[in-house]
Every structure is written in C-alpha cells, then in structure tokens.
Amino acid sequence: MGGIISLVKWVLMIIGAIAVYYGISLQMKYDGVTGKIISEMVSPKLHPDSMSKVYMPMANTLLDTGDITMASIVRVKVADDVSNGDVEEAMESIATAEGIRSVGMLPLSEMVELQTGEKQRFLKIYQYCSPRTAMTMVDHSDAFSAYLPCRLALIEDQEGQRWLYTLDMNAMIYGGAPLPDYLLEKALRVQEVITAIQNGGAEGDF
C-alpha cells in the first residue's frame, strides 16, 4: 500500500511540474496570458455570457473546420427556388421597412468577369448602415468602426449552393465587457435587423 501511495505522490508531482512548466511557458510566450486568465477567473471583466455565446462556439467551429473565418460568421442557405434578384429585392425591401439604409453594393464576381473574361461563381456584397447608431457605437469605442457598415455577402459555393453570410455580431455584443444599456439596446436592434434581412433574403420573403 505504501508503495502505491508513493507512486501516486510521484505522479502528482510530475503532473504538477508539467503544469507549472507549461504555465510559465505560456506566461512568457504570450505576454502574461496565464496571469490574465487567472485574473479574469478571480475578478471577471467580460460579459457573463461571453463563453457560451462567443468563445466556446467559436472554438468548436475552429476546431471542427480549422477555419477562423467560419468561426466568426453566421450563414443562411438560400432557397433553391429563390433567384438572386429575389434575394436582393427582399433584402432591400426589409431594410427599408426596418429603417436601415442601403449604402452600396459590390458585385465582385461581375467585376472579375469583366476584367478576365472568365465566368465566375456569384459573389455580391450588400452594405447597410444606421448612421446614428454607428456614431453612438464609435463614440463608445473607435474600434467599432471596423464593423461598419454591416455587410451581407450573397455567394455561390463550389458546389453551386448559394448562401448569405454576415459577421456574427455576438462577438461585438457579448465578447468583451458588458456594453452600457443604451448601447446594448442599439446593438441588439441592429443584430435583429440584419438577421431579418439575412433570413428574409434567403427565403425571398418580404
């Protein structure tokens, strides 16, 4: 029995030593990340839903696909019986009804076809913005400007299936410290509108 207890102690000591080694390595390699994580656990600064709504879903998608871009977007499949024109008309109609401005389109596949003379799979970017909300968000953090304007991409994949892609706004809403109530309300409203445009466009419904 004494031998087993001694063995267990040695195993625990080795595990502890390995944990300390990797903890120190991470601390040195990533500029104190271990201490920051411990500090976050002791005195949380991030939104209480940050792990469940942002970082765990992102980590799962990243580990499944190996693609960080897939981990940061929301995509909806376009119905087979809905034409690209129907998608565009539905999105514009919903945007108008929801009081958000269409601020431009970028027909990327068409532009490349004109440049190369070669047929491309469909790709078009649609941009939307609520100017007052945008300025309110930037007043809170200049970094929000990188999210502006809100974009939706209508793209035909390699198999011919069409999708509507947009950035996952959960990262902006829940990924950091809790937003002030006035800003959270506006951000959730923008997310609601973009989701409505995306889903309505995918179904050609307006």
N, C-alpha and C. Protein backbone atom coordinates (compact mmCIF):
# COMPACT_ATOMS: atom_id res chain seq x y z
N MET A 1 0.84 -1.21 0.00
CA MET A 1 0.00 0.00 0.00
C MET A 1 0.87 1.25 0.00
N GLY A 2 1.94 1.21 0.84
CA GLY A 2 2.83 2.36 0.91
C GLY A 2 3.47 2.66 -0.42
N GLY A 3 3.78 1.60 -1.18
CA GLY A 3 4.39 1.80 -2.49
C GLY A 3 3.44 2.49 -3.45
N ILE A 4 2.15 2.10 -3.39
CA ILE A 4 1.15 2.71 -4.27
C ILE A 4 0.99 4.19 -3.95
N ILE A 5 0.93 4.50 -2.64
CA ILE A 5 0.78 5.91 -2.23
C ILE A 5 1.98 6.72 -2.70
N SER A 6 3.15 6.13 -2.55
CA SER A 6 4.37 6.82 -3.00
C SER A 6 4.34 7.07 -4.50
N LEU A 7 3.86 6.07 -5.26
CA LEU A 7 3.78 6.21 -6.71
C LEU A 7 2.80 7.32 -7.10
N VAL A 8 1.66 7.32 -6.41
CA VAL A 8 0.65 8.35 -6.69
C VAL A 8 1.23 9.74 -6.43
N LYS A 9 1.99 9.87 -5.31
CA LYS A 9 2.60 11.16 -4.99
C LYS A 9 3.56 11.60 -6.09
N TRP A 10 4.37 10.65 -6.58
CA TRP A 10 5.31 10.99 -7.64
C TRP A 10 4.58 11.40 -8.94
N VAL A 11 3.50 10.68 -9.26
CA VAL A 11 2.72 11.03 -10.46
C VAL A 11 2.14 12.43 -10.33
N LEU A 12 1.58 12.74 -9.14
CA LEU A 12 1.00 14.06 -8.92
C LEU A 12 2.08 15.14 -8.99
N MET A 13 3.25 14.84 -8.46
CA MET A 13 4.35 15.80 -8.51
C MET A 13 4.77 16.06 -9.95
N ILE A 14 4.84 15.00 -10.75
CA ILE A 14 5.22 15.15 -12.15
C ILE A 14 4.18 15.97 -12.91
N ILE A 15 2.90 15.63 -12.68
CA ILE A 15 1.81 16.40 -13.32
C ILE A 15 1.88 17.85 -12.92
N GLY A 16 2.12 18.11 -11.64
CA GLY A 16 2.23 19.49 -11.16
C GLY A 16 3.39 20.22 -11.81
N ALA A 17 4.51 19.52 -11.93
CA ALA A 17 5.69 20.13 -12.55
C ALA A 17 5.43 20.47 -14.01
N ILE A 18 4.75 19.55 -14.71
CA ILE A 18 4.42 19.80 -16.12
C ILE A 18 3.49 20.99 -16.24
N ALA A 19 2.48 21.04 -15.35
CA ALA A 19 1.53 22.15 -15.39
C ALA A 19 2.23 23.48 -15.14
N VAL A 20 3.13 23.50 -14.17
CA VAL A 20 3.88 24.72 -13.87
C VAL A 20 4.74 25.12 -15.07
N TYR A 21 5.41 24.12 -15.67
CA TYR A 21 6.27 24.40 -16.83
C TYR A 21 5.48 25.06 -17.96
N TYR A 22 4.33 24.43 -18.30
CA TYR A 22 3.55 24.99 -19.40
C TYR A 22 2.91 26.32 -19.03
N GLY A 23 2.56 26.46 -17.75
CA GLY A 23 2.02 27.74 -17.31
C GLY A 23 3.04 28.85 -17.46
N ILE A 24 4.27 28.58 -17.06
CA ILE A 24 5.34 29.57 -17.19
C ILE A 24 5.64 29.84 -18.67
N SER A 25 5.65 28.76 -19.47
CA SER A 25 5.90 28.92 -20.92
C SER A 25 4.87 29.82 -21.57
N LEU A 26 3.59 29.58 -21.24
CA LEU A 26 2.53 30.41 -21.80
C LEU A 26 2.66 31.85 -21.32
N GLN A 27 2.99 31.99 -20.05
CA GLN A 27 3.15 33.32 -19.48
C GLN A 27 4.23 34.11 -20.23
N MET A 28 5.34 33.45 -20.53
CA MET A 28 6.45 34.13 -21.21
C MET A 28 6.16 34.32 -22.69
N LYS A 29 5.59 33.30 -23.34
CA LYS A 29 5.40 33.34 -24.79
C LYS A 29 4.30 34.29 -25.19
N TYR A 30 3.23 34.33 -24.40
CA TYR A 30 2.06 35.13 -24.79
C TYR A 30 1.84 36.33 -23.87
N ASP A 31 2.93 36.90 -23.39
CA ASP A 31 2.87 38.17 -22.68
C ASP A 31 1.92 38.15 -21.50
N GLY A 32 2.08 37.17 -20.63
CA GLY A 32 1.32 37.15 -19.39
C GLY A 32 -0.09 36.65 -19.52
N VAL A 33 -0.40 35.85 -20.55
CA VAL A 33 -1.77 35.42 -20.76
C VAL A 33 -2.29 34.57 -19.61
N THR A 34 -1.42 33.75 -19.01
CA THR A 34 -1.87 32.90 -17.90
C THR A 34 -2.36 33.75 -16.74
N GLY A 35 -1.57 34.77 -16.38
CA GLY A 35 -1.98 35.66 -15.30
C GLY A 35 -3.28 36.38 -15.62
N LYS A 36 -3.44 36.76 -16.88
CA LYS A 36 -4.66 37.47 -17.28
C LYS A 36 -5.88 36.56 -17.17
N ILE A 37 -5.70 35.28 -17.56
CA ILE A 37 -6.81 34.33 -17.46
C ILE A 37 -7.18 34.10 -16.00
N ILE A 38 -6.15 33.93 -15.15
CA ILE A 38 -6.42 33.74 -13.72
C ILE A 38 -7.12 34.97 -13.14
N SER A 39 -6.65 36.15 -13.56
CA SER A 39 -7.28 37.39 -13.09
C SER A 39 -8.73 37.47 -13.52
N GLU A 40 -9.02 37.04 -14.75
CA GLU A 40 -10.40 37.05 -15.25
C GLU A 40 -11.28 36.09 -14.45
N MET A 41 -10.72 34.95 -14.08
CA MET A 41 -11.47 33.97 -13.29
C MET A 41 -11.78 34.50 -11.90
N VAL A 42 -10.81 35.21 -11.32
CA VAL A 42 -10.99 35.74 -9.96
C VAL A 42 -11.89 36.97 -9.95
N SER A 43 -11.66 37.87 -10.92
CA SER A 43 -12.43 39.12 -10.98
C SER A 43 -12.88 39.36 -12.42
N PRO A 44 -14.01 38.77 -12.80
CA PRO A 44 -14.45 38.82 -14.20
C PRO A 44 -14.69 40.24 -14.70
N LYS A 45 -14.20 40.49 -15.92
CA LYS A 45 -14.45 41.75 -16.61
C LYS A 45 -15.34 41.56 -17.83
N LEU A 46 -15.29 40.34 -18.38
CA LEU A 46 -16.04 40.07 -19.60
C LEU A 46 -17.52 39.83 -19.30
N HIS A 47 -18.34 39.94 -20.33
CA HIS A 47 -19.78 39.67 -20.21
C HIS A 47 -19.97 38.25 -19.69
N PRO A 48 -20.91 38.03 -18.78
CA PRO A 48 -21.10 36.68 -18.23
C PRO A 48 -21.48 35.63 -19.27
N ASP A 49 -22.00 36.08 -20.42
CA ASP A 49 -22.35 35.15 -21.50
C ASP A 49 -21.26 35.03 -22.56
N SER A 50 -20.09 35.62 -22.31
CA SER A 50 -19.05 35.64 -23.33
C SER A 50 -18.60 34.24 -23.73
N MET A 51 -18.46 33.34 -22.77
CA MET A 51 -18.01 31.99 -23.08
C MET A 51 -19.07 31.22 -23.86
N SER A 52 -20.33 31.27 -23.40
CA SER A 52 -21.39 30.46 -24.01
C SER A 52 -21.84 31.01 -25.36
N LYS A 53 -21.82 32.33 -25.53
CA LYS A 53 -22.33 32.93 -26.76
C LYS A 53 -21.23 33.23 -27.79
N VAL A 54 -19.98 33.32 -27.34
CA VAL A 54 -18.91 33.73 -28.26
C VAL A 54 -17.78 32.72 -28.32
N TYR A 55 -17.05 32.56 -27.23
CA TYR A 55 -15.77 31.88 -27.31
C TYR A 55 -15.86 30.36 -27.43
N MET A 56 -16.82 29.71 -26.76
CA MET A 56 -16.96 28.27 -26.93
C MET A 56 -17.49 27.92 -28.32
N PRO A 57 -18.54 28.60 -28.82
CA PRO A 57 -18.97 28.31 -30.20
C PRO A 57 -17.87 28.57 -31.22
N MET A 58 -17.11 29.65 -31.03
CA MET A 58 -16.00 29.93 -31.95
C MET A 58 -14.95 28.84 -31.90
N ALA A 59 -14.61 28.41 -30.67
CA ALA A 59 -13.59 27.37 -30.52
C ALA A 59 -14.04 26.06 -31.15
N ASN A 60 -15.31 25.70 -30.95
CA ASN A 60 -15.84 24.46 -31.53
C ASN A 60 -15.77 24.49 -33.05
N THR A 61 -16.21 25.60 -33.64
CA THR A 61 -16.19 25.72 -35.10
C THR A 61 -14.77 25.73 -35.62
N LEU A 62 -13.89 26.44 -34.93
CA LEU A 62 -12.49 26.49 -35.35
C LEU A 62 -11.84 25.11 -35.32
N LEU A 63 -12.10 24.36 -34.25
CA LEU A 63 -11.51 23.02 -34.13
C LEU A 63 -12.12 22.05 -35.14
N ASP A 64 -13.40 22.25 -35.47
CA ASP A 64 -14.05 21.38 -36.46
C ASP A 64 -13.58 21.66 -37.88
N THR A 65 -13.37 22.94 -38.19
CA THR A 65 -13.10 23.33 -39.58
C THR A 65 -11.66 23.76 -39.83
N GLY A 66 -10.98 24.22 -38.78
CA GLY A 66 -9.65 24.79 -38.96
C GLY A 66 -9.67 26.14 -39.63
N ASP A 67 -10.85 26.75 -39.74
CA ASP A 67 -11.03 28.00 -40.47
C ASP A 67 -11.56 29.07 -39.51
N ILE A 68 -10.71 30.04 -39.16
CA ILE A 68 -11.12 31.07 -38.21
C ILE A 68 -12.22 31.95 -38.77
N THR A 69 -12.27 32.10 -40.10
CA THR A 69 -13.33 32.93 -40.68
C THR A 69 -14.70 32.28 -40.50
N MET A 70 -14.75 30.94 -40.61
CA MET A 70 -16.02 30.25 -40.39
C MET A 70 -16.47 30.37 -38.94
N ALA A 71 -15.53 30.57 -38.04
CA ALA A 71 -15.85 30.69 -36.62
C ALA A 71 -16.39 32.06 -36.25
N SER A 72 -16.35 33.00 -37.19
CA SER A 72 -16.74 34.37 -36.87
C SER A 72 -17.91 34.88 -37.71
N ILE A 73 -18.61 33.95 -38.39
CA ILE A 73 -19.71 34.38 -39.25
C ILE A 73 -21.01 33.63 -38.92
N VAL A 74 -22.10 34.16 -39.48
CA VAL A 74 -23.39 33.47 -39.48
C VAL A 74 -23.78 33.30 -40.95
N ARG A 75 -24.17 32.12 -41.34
CA ARG A 75 -24.58 31.91 -42.73
C ARG A 75 -25.93 31.23 -42.80
N VAL A 76 -26.68 31.57 -43.84
CA VAL A 76 -28.01 31.00 -44.06
C VAL A 76 -28.09 30.54 -45.51
N LYS A 77 -28.60 29.33 -45.71
CA LYS A 77 -28.71 28.77 -47.05
C LYS A 77 -29.86 29.46 -47.81
N VAL A 78 -29.61 29.81 -49.06
CA VAL A 78 -30.64 30.43 -49.91
C VAL A 78 -31.50 29.33 -50.52
N ALA A 79 -32.80 29.50 -50.46
CA ALA A 79 -33.73 28.51 -51.00
C ALA A 79 -33.50 28.34 -52.51
N ASP A 80 -33.62 27.10 -52.98
CA ASP A 80 -33.33 26.79 -54.38
C ASP A 80 -34.25 27.53 -55.35
N ASP A 81 -35.48 27.78 -54.92
CA ASP A 81 -36.45 28.40 -55.82
C ASP A 81 -36.43 29.93 -55.75
N VAL A 82 -35.46 30.48 -55.05
CA VAL A 82 -35.34 31.94 -54.93
C VAL A 82 -34.17 32.41 -55.80
N SER A 83 -34.45 33.31 -56.73
CA SER A 83 -33.41 33.82 -57.62
C SER A 83 -32.54 34.85 -56.90
N ASN A 84 -31.38 35.14 -57.47
CA ASN A 84 -30.53 36.17 -56.89
C ASN A 84 -31.24 37.52 -56.86
N GLY A 85 -32.02 37.78 -57.91
CA GLY A 85 -32.80 39.02 -57.94
C GLY A 85 -33.83 39.08 -56.82
N ASP A 86 -34.46 37.93 -56.54
CA ASP A 86 -35.44 37.86 -55.45
C ASP A 86 -34.76 38.12 -54.10
N VAL A 87 -33.58 37.55 -53.92
CA VAL A 87 -32.82 37.76 -52.68
C VAL A 87 -32.56 39.25 -52.49
N GLU A 88 -32.07 39.88 -53.54
CA GLU A 88 -31.71 41.29 -53.47
C GLU A 88 -32.93 42.16 -53.21
N GLU A 89 -34.02 41.87 -53.91
CA GLU A 89 -35.25 42.66 -53.73
C GLU A 89 -35.80 42.50 -52.32
N ALA A 90 -35.78 41.27 -51.81
CA ALA A 90 -36.29 41.03 -50.46
C ALA A 90 -35.45 41.77 -49.43
N MET A 91 -34.13 41.72 -49.56
CA MET A 91 -33.26 42.37 -48.58
C MET A 91 -33.45 43.89 -48.60
N GLU A 92 -33.55 44.46 -49.80
CA GLU A 92 -33.74 45.90 -49.89
C GLU A 92 -35.07 46.32 -49.29
N SER A 93 -36.11 45.52 -49.54
CA SER A 93 -37.43 45.84 -49.01
C SER A 93 -37.45 45.78 -47.49
N ILE A 94 -36.85 44.74 -46.92
CA ILE A 94 -36.81 44.59 -45.47
C ILE A 94 -35.99 45.71 -44.83
N ALA A 95 -34.86 46.04 -45.45
CA ALA A 95 -34.02 47.11 -44.92
C ALA A 95 -34.80 48.43 -44.86
N THR A 96 -35.52 48.72 -45.92
CA THR A 96 -36.31 49.95 -45.95
C THR A 96 -37.38 49.94 -44.87
N ALA A 97 -38.07 48.80 -44.73
CA ALA A 97 -39.13 48.69 -43.73
C ALA A 97 -38.59 48.80 -42.31
N GLU A 98 -37.35 48.35 -42.10
CA GLU A 98 -36.75 48.36 -40.77
C GLU A 98 -36.00 49.66 -40.47
N GLY A 99 -35.95 50.56 -41.44
CA GLY A 99 -35.34 51.86 -41.21
C GLY A 99 -33.83 51.86 -41.21
N ILE A 100 -33.22 50.93 -41.95
CA ILE A 100 -31.77 50.91 -42.08
C ILE A 100 -31.41 51.22 -43.53
N ARG A 101 -30.37 51.98 -43.74
CA ARG A 101 -30.04 52.45 -45.07
C ARG A 101 -29.16 51.47 -45.83
N SER A 102 -29.50 51.25 -47.10
CA SER A 102 -28.61 50.53 -48.00
C SER A 102 -27.57 51.52 -48.50
N VAL A 103 -26.29 51.21 -48.25
CA VAL A 103 -25.23 52.18 -48.57
C VAL A 103 -24.26 51.66 -49.63
N GLY A 104 -24.72 50.70 -50.41
CA GLY A 104 -23.89 50.29 -51.52
C GLY A 104 -23.82 48.79 -51.72
N MET A 105 -23.49 48.42 -52.96
CA MET A 105 -23.31 47.01 -53.32
C MET A 105 -21.99 46.87 -54.06
N LEU A 106 -21.38 45.72 -53.92
CA LEU A 106 -20.11 45.44 -54.59
C LEU A 106 -20.24 44.12 -55.35
N PRO A 107 -20.49 44.19 -56.68
CA PRO A 107 -20.67 42.97 -57.47
C PRO A 107 -19.32 42.36 -57.85
N LEU A 108 -18.69 41.69 -56.92
CA LEU A 108 -17.32 41.23 -57.10
C LEU A 108 -17.16 40.25 -58.26
N SER A 109 -18.05 39.25 -58.34
CA SER A 109 -17.89 38.26 -59.41
C SER A 109 -18.08 38.91 -60.77
N GLU A 110 -19.01 39.83 -60.87
CA GLU A 110 -19.23 40.54 -62.14
C GLU A 110 -18.01 41.37 -62.52
N MET A 111 -17.40 42.02 -61.54
CA MET A 111 -16.21 42.83 -61.80
C MET A 111 -15.05 41.97 -62.31
N VAL A 112 -14.87 40.79 -61.68
CA VAL A 112 -13.78 39.91 -62.10
C VAL A 112 -14.06 39.35 -63.50
N GLU A 113 -15.31 39.06 -63.81
CA GLU A 113 -15.66 38.58 -65.15
C GLU A 113 -15.31 39.62 -66.21
N LEU A 114 -15.58 40.88 -65.90
CA LEU A 114 -15.26 41.96 -66.85
C LEU A 114 -13.75 42.09 -67.03
N GLN A 115 -13.01 41.87 -65.95
CA GLN A 115 -11.55 42.01 -66.01
C GLN A 115 -10.87 40.84 -66.71
N THR A 116 -11.43 39.63 -66.53
CA THR A 116 -10.75 38.43 -67.03
C THR A 116 -11.43 37.80 -68.24
N GLY A 117 -12.71 38.12 -68.44
CA GLY A 117 -13.46 37.47 -69.49
C GLY A 117 -13.86 36.04 -69.16
N GLU A 118 -13.65 35.63 -67.92
CA GLU A 118 -13.96 34.28 -67.49
C GLU A 118 -15.15 34.28 -66.52
N LYS A 119 -16.03 33.30 -66.69
CA LYS A 119 -17.20 33.17 -65.84
C LYS A 119 -16.78 32.87 -64.40
N GLN A 120 -17.40 33.55 -63.44
CA GLN A 120 -17.10 33.37 -62.01
C GLN A 120 -18.35 32.89 -61.28
N ARG A 121 -18.13 32.18 -60.18
CA ARG A 121 -19.28 31.87 -59.32
C ARG A 121 -19.76 33.17 -58.67
N PHE A 122 -21.05 33.25 -58.41
CA PHE A 122 -21.66 34.51 -57.99
C PHE A 122 -21.16 34.95 -56.62
N LEU A 123 -20.80 36.22 -56.53
CA LEU A 123 -20.43 36.84 -55.25
C LEU A 123 -20.75 38.32 -55.31
N LYS A 124 -21.63 38.74 -54.41
CA LYS A 124 -22.01 40.15 -54.35
C LYS A 124 -22.15 40.55 -52.88
N ILE A 125 -21.60 41.72 -52.55
CA ILE A 125 -21.62 42.23 -51.18
C ILE A 125 -22.65 43.35 -51.08
N TYR A 126 -23.48 43.29 -50.04
CA TYR A 126 -24.51 44.31 -49.79
C TYR A 126 -24.18 44.98 -48.46
N GLN A 127 -24.27 46.30 -48.42
CA GLN A 127 -23.86 47.05 -47.23
C GLN A 127 -25.02 47.89 -46.68
N TYR A 128 -25.15 47.85 -45.36
CA TYR A 128 -26.25 48.56 -44.69
C TYR A 128 -25.70 49.33 -43.49
N CYS A 129 -26.36 50.44 -43.18
CA CYS A 129 -25.90 51.25 -42.06
C CYS A 129 -27.03 52.09 -41.47
N SER A 130 -27.00 52.20 -40.15
CA SER A 130 -27.84 53.15 -39.43
C SER A 130 -26.90 54.22 -38.90
N PRO A 131 -26.81 55.39 -39.56
CA PRO A 131 -25.78 56.37 -39.23
C PRO A 131 -25.73 56.78 -37.76
N ARG A 132 -26.88 57.05 -37.16
CA ARG A 132 -26.89 57.49 -35.76
C ARG A 132 -26.38 56.39 -34.83
N THR A 133 -26.84 55.17 -35.08
CA THR A 133 -26.37 54.05 -34.27
C THR A 133 -24.87 53.85 -34.46
N ALA A 134 -24.41 54.00 -35.70
CA ALA A 134 -22.98 53.83 -35.99
C ALA A 134 -22.14 54.83 -35.19
N MET A 135 -22.56 56.09 -35.16
CA MET A 135 -21.80 57.10 -34.42
C MET A 135 -21.84 56.85 -32.92
N THR A 136 -22.98 56.37 -32.42
CA THR A 136 -23.08 56.04 -31.00
C THR A 136 -22.11 54.93 -30.63
N MET A 137 -22.00 53.93 -31.50
CA MET A 137 -21.09 52.81 -31.24
C MET A 137 -19.64 53.26 -31.29
N VAL A 138 -19.31 54.11 -32.25
CA VAL A 138 -17.93 54.59 -32.37
C VAL A 138 -17.58 55.52 -31.21
N ASP A 139 -18.56 56.26 -30.70
CA ASP A 139 -18.31 57.09 -29.52
C ASP A 139 -17.92 56.24 -28.31
N HIS A 140 -18.44 55.02 -28.27
CA HIS A 140 -18.08 54.11 -27.18
C HIS A 140 -16.68 53.53 -27.40
N SER A 141 -16.36 53.16 -28.63
CA SER A 141 -15.05 52.60 -28.96
C SER A 141 -14.76 52.82 -30.44
N ASP A 142 -13.64 53.48 -30.74
CA ASP A 142 -13.27 53.70 -32.14
C ASP A 142 -13.16 52.39 -32.91
N ALA A 143 -12.82 51.30 -32.22
CA ALA A 143 -12.62 50.01 -32.89
C ALA A 143 -13.90 49.49 -33.53
N PHE A 144 -15.06 49.96 -33.05
CA PHE A 144 -16.32 49.54 -33.66
C PHE A 144 -16.39 49.95 -35.13
N SER A 145 -15.61 50.96 -35.51
CA SER A 145 -15.65 51.42 -36.90
C SER A 145 -15.26 50.31 -37.88
N ALA A 146 -14.49 49.32 -37.41
CA ALA A 146 -14.08 48.21 -38.28
C ALA A 146 -15.27 47.32 -38.64
N TYR A 147 -16.36 47.41 -37.87
CA TYR A 147 -17.54 46.61 -38.15
C TYR A 147 -18.49 47.33 -39.11
N LEU A 148 -18.18 48.55 -39.47
CA LEU A 148 -19.09 49.37 -40.25
C LEU A 148 -18.69 49.41 -41.73
N PRO A 149 -19.66 49.47 -42.65
CA PRO A 149 -21.09 49.22 -42.40
C PRO A 149 -21.35 47.73 -42.23
N CYS A 150 -22.57 47.39 -41.81
CA CYS A 150 -22.95 45.98 -41.72
C CYS A 150 -23.00 45.41 -43.14
N ARG A 151 -22.44 44.21 -43.31
CA ARG A 151 -22.33 43.63 -44.64
C ARG A 151 -22.98 42.26 -44.70
N LEU A 152 -23.60 41.99 -45.85
CA LEU A 152 -24.11 40.66 -46.16
C LEU A 152 -23.52 40.25 -47.50
N ALA A 153 -23.06 39.02 -47.59
CA ALA A 153 -22.49 38.52 -48.84
C ALA A 153 -23.38 37.41 -49.39
N LEU A 154 -23.81 37.57 -50.63
CA LEU A 154 -24.52 36.51 -51.34
C LEU A 154 -23.49 35.79 -52.20
N ILE A 155 -23.24 34.50 -51.90
CA ILE A 155 -22.17 33.78 -52.58
C ILE A 155 -22.63 32.38 -52.99
N GLU A 156 -22.20 31.98 -54.16
CA GLU A 156 -22.41 30.62 -54.65
C GLU A 156 -21.16 29.80 -54.31
N ASP A 157 -21.34 28.71 -53.57
CA ASP A 157 -20.17 27.94 -53.18
C ASP A 157 -19.68 27.04 -54.32
N GLN A 158 -18.66 26.26 -54.05
CA GLN A 158 -18.03 25.43 -55.08
C GLN A 158 -18.97 24.37 -55.64
N GLU A 159 -20.01 24.02 -54.88
CA GLU A 159 -20.98 23.02 -55.33
C GLU A 159 -22.22 23.65 -55.96
N GLY A 160 -22.25 24.98 -56.02
CA GLY A 160 -23.38 25.66 -56.63
C GLY A 160 -24.47 26.08 -55.67
N GLN A 161 -24.31 25.73 -54.39
CA GLN A 161 -25.29 26.18 -53.39
C GLN A 161 -25.04 27.63 -53.03
N ARG A 162 -26.10 28.41 -52.89
CA ARG A 162 -25.96 29.82 -52.54
C ARG A 162 -26.22 30.03 -51.05
N TRP A 163 -25.45 30.99 -50.48
CA TRP A 163 -25.53 31.30 -49.06
C TRP A 163 -25.52 32.81 -48.87
N LEU A 164 -26.11 33.23 -47.76
CA LEU A 164 -25.96 34.61 -47.30
C LEU A 164 -25.10 34.59 -46.04
N TYR A 165 -23.97 35.28 -46.10
CA TYR A 165 -23.03 35.34 -44.99
C TYR A 165 -23.05 36.74 -44.35
N THR A 166 -22.87 36.79 -43.05
CA THR A 166 -22.63 38.06 -42.36
C THR A 166 -21.78 37.79 -41.13
N LEU A 167 -21.13 38.82 -40.59
CA LEU A 167 -20.36 38.65 -39.36
C LEU A 167 -21.28 38.31 -38.19
N ASP A 168 -20.78 37.48 -37.30
CA ASP A 168 -21.51 37.15 -36.09
C ASP A 168 -21.37 38.32 -35.11
N MET A 169 -22.45 39.06 -34.91
CA MET A 169 -22.40 40.23 -34.06
C MET A 169 -22.32 39.88 -32.58
N ASN A 170 -22.49 38.60 -32.23
CA ASN A 170 -22.37 38.21 -30.82
C ASN A 170 -20.99 38.57 -30.26
N ALA A 171 -19.97 38.48 -31.12
CA ALA A 171 -18.62 38.81 -30.66
C ALA A 171 -18.55 40.26 -30.20
N MET A 172 -19.19 41.14 -30.93
CA MET A 172 -19.19 42.55 -30.59
C MET A 172 -20.06 42.83 -29.37
N ILE A 173 -21.18 42.11 -29.27
CA ILE A 173 -22.16 42.39 -28.22
C ILE A 173 -21.76 41.75 -26.89
N TYR A 174 -21.31 40.50 -26.95
CA TYR A 174 -21.06 39.74 -25.72
C TYR A 174 -19.59 39.41 -25.47
N GLY A 175 -18.72 39.67 -26.44
CA GLY A 175 -17.35 39.19 -26.35
C GLY A 175 -16.46 39.92 -25.37
N GLY A 176 -16.80 41.13 -25.01
CA GLY A 176 -15.98 41.92 -24.10
C GLY A 176 -16.72 42.24 -22.82
N ALA A 177 -16.34 43.36 -22.23
CA ALA A 177 -17.06 43.83 -21.05
C ALA A 177 -18.50 44.16 -21.43
N PRO A 178 -19.45 44.01 -20.51
CA PRO A 178 -20.84 44.32 -20.83
C PRO A 178 -20.99 45.73 -21.38
N LEU A 179 -21.75 45.86 -22.46
CA LEU A 179 -21.99 47.17 -23.04
C LEU A 179 -22.93 47.97 -22.15
N PRO A 180 -22.80 49.30 -22.15
CA PRO A 180 -23.79 50.13 -21.44
C PRO A 180 -25.19 49.83 -21.99
N ASP A 181 -26.18 49.97 -21.15
CA ASP A 181 -27.55 49.60 -21.54
C ASP A 181 -28.00 50.30 -22.81
N TYR A 182 -27.70 51.60 -22.94
CA TYR A 182 -28.16 52.34 -24.11
C TYR A 182 -27.53 51.81 -25.39
N LEU A 183 -26.26 51.36 -25.30
CA LEU A 183 -25.56 50.84 -26.47
C LEU A 183 -25.97 49.40 -26.75
N LEU A 184 -26.17 48.62 -25.69
CA LEU A 184 -26.62 47.24 -25.86
C LEU A 184 -27.95 47.21 -26.60
N GLU A 185 -28.86 48.10 -26.24
CA GLU A 185 -30.17 48.15 -26.89
C GLU A 185 -30.02 48.42 -28.39
N LYS A 186 -29.15 49.36 -28.74
CA LYS A 186 -28.95 49.69 -30.15
C LYS A 186 -28.28 48.55 -30.90
N ALA A 187 -27.28 47.92 -30.26
CA ALA A 187 -26.56 46.82 -30.91
C ALA A 187 -27.48 45.63 -31.15
N LEU A 188 -28.32 45.31 -30.18
CA LEU A 188 -29.27 44.21 -30.34
C LEU A 188 -30.28 44.51 -31.43
N ARG A 189 -30.65 45.78 -31.55
CA ARG A 189 -31.59 46.16 -32.60
C ARG A 189 -30.96 45.99 -33.98
N VAL A 190 -29.71 46.41 -34.12
CA VAL A 190 -29.01 46.23 -35.40
C VAL A 190 -28.89 44.74 -35.72
N GLN A 191 -28.53 43.93 -34.73
CA GLN A 191 -28.43 42.49 -34.94
C GLN A 191 -29.77 41.91 -35.39
N GLU A 192 -30.85 42.36 -34.76
CA GLU A 192 -32.19 41.89 -35.11
C GLU A 192 -32.52 42.24 -36.57
N VAL A 193 -32.19 43.46 -36.98
CA VAL A 193 -32.49 43.89 -38.34
C VAL A 193 -31.67 43.12 -39.36
N ILE A 194 -30.37 42.98 -39.11
CA ILE A 194 -29.50 42.25 -40.06
C ILE A 194 -29.95 40.80 -40.16
N THR A 195 -30.33 40.20 -39.05
CA THR A 195 -30.83 38.82 -39.07
C THR A 195 -32.11 38.73 -39.89
N ALA A 196 -33.00 39.71 -39.74
CA ALA A 196 -34.23 39.72 -40.52
C ALA A 196 -33.96 39.86 -42.01
N ILE A 197 -33.00 40.72 -42.37
CA ILE A 197 -32.62 40.90 -43.76
C ILE A 197 -32.02 39.61 -44.32
N GLN A 198 -31.15 38.98 -43.55
CA GLN A 198 -30.50 37.74 -43.98
C GLN A 198 -31.51 36.62 -44.18
N ASN A 199 -32.35 36.39 -43.19
CA ASN A 199 -33.33 35.31 -43.28
C ASN A 199 -34.39 35.58 -44.35
N GLY A 200 -34.84 36.85 -44.42
CA GLY A 200 -35.83 37.19 -45.45
C GLY A 200 -35.26 37.07 -46.85
N GLY A 201 -34.00 37.50 -47.01
CA GLY A 201 -33.37 37.37 -48.32
C GLY A 201 -33.22 35.93 -48.74
N ALA A 202 -32.84 35.07 -47.81
CA ALA A 202 -32.64 33.65 -48.12
C ALA A 202 -33.92 32.97 -48.56
N GLU A 203 -35.04 33.45 -48.08
CA GLU A 203 -36.34 32.87 -48.45
C GLU A 203 -37.06 33.69 -49.52
N GLY A 204 -36.49 34.82 -49.92
CA GLY A 204 -37.16 35.69 -50.89
C GLY A 204 -38.45 36.24 -50.32
N ASP A 205 -38.48 36.44 -49.00
CA ASP A 205 -39.71 36.81 -48.29
C ASP A 205 -39.64 38.25 -47.83
N PHE A 206 -40.61 39.06 -48.26
CA PHE A 206 -40.67 40.46 -47.81
C PHE A 206 -42.09 40.99 -47.89
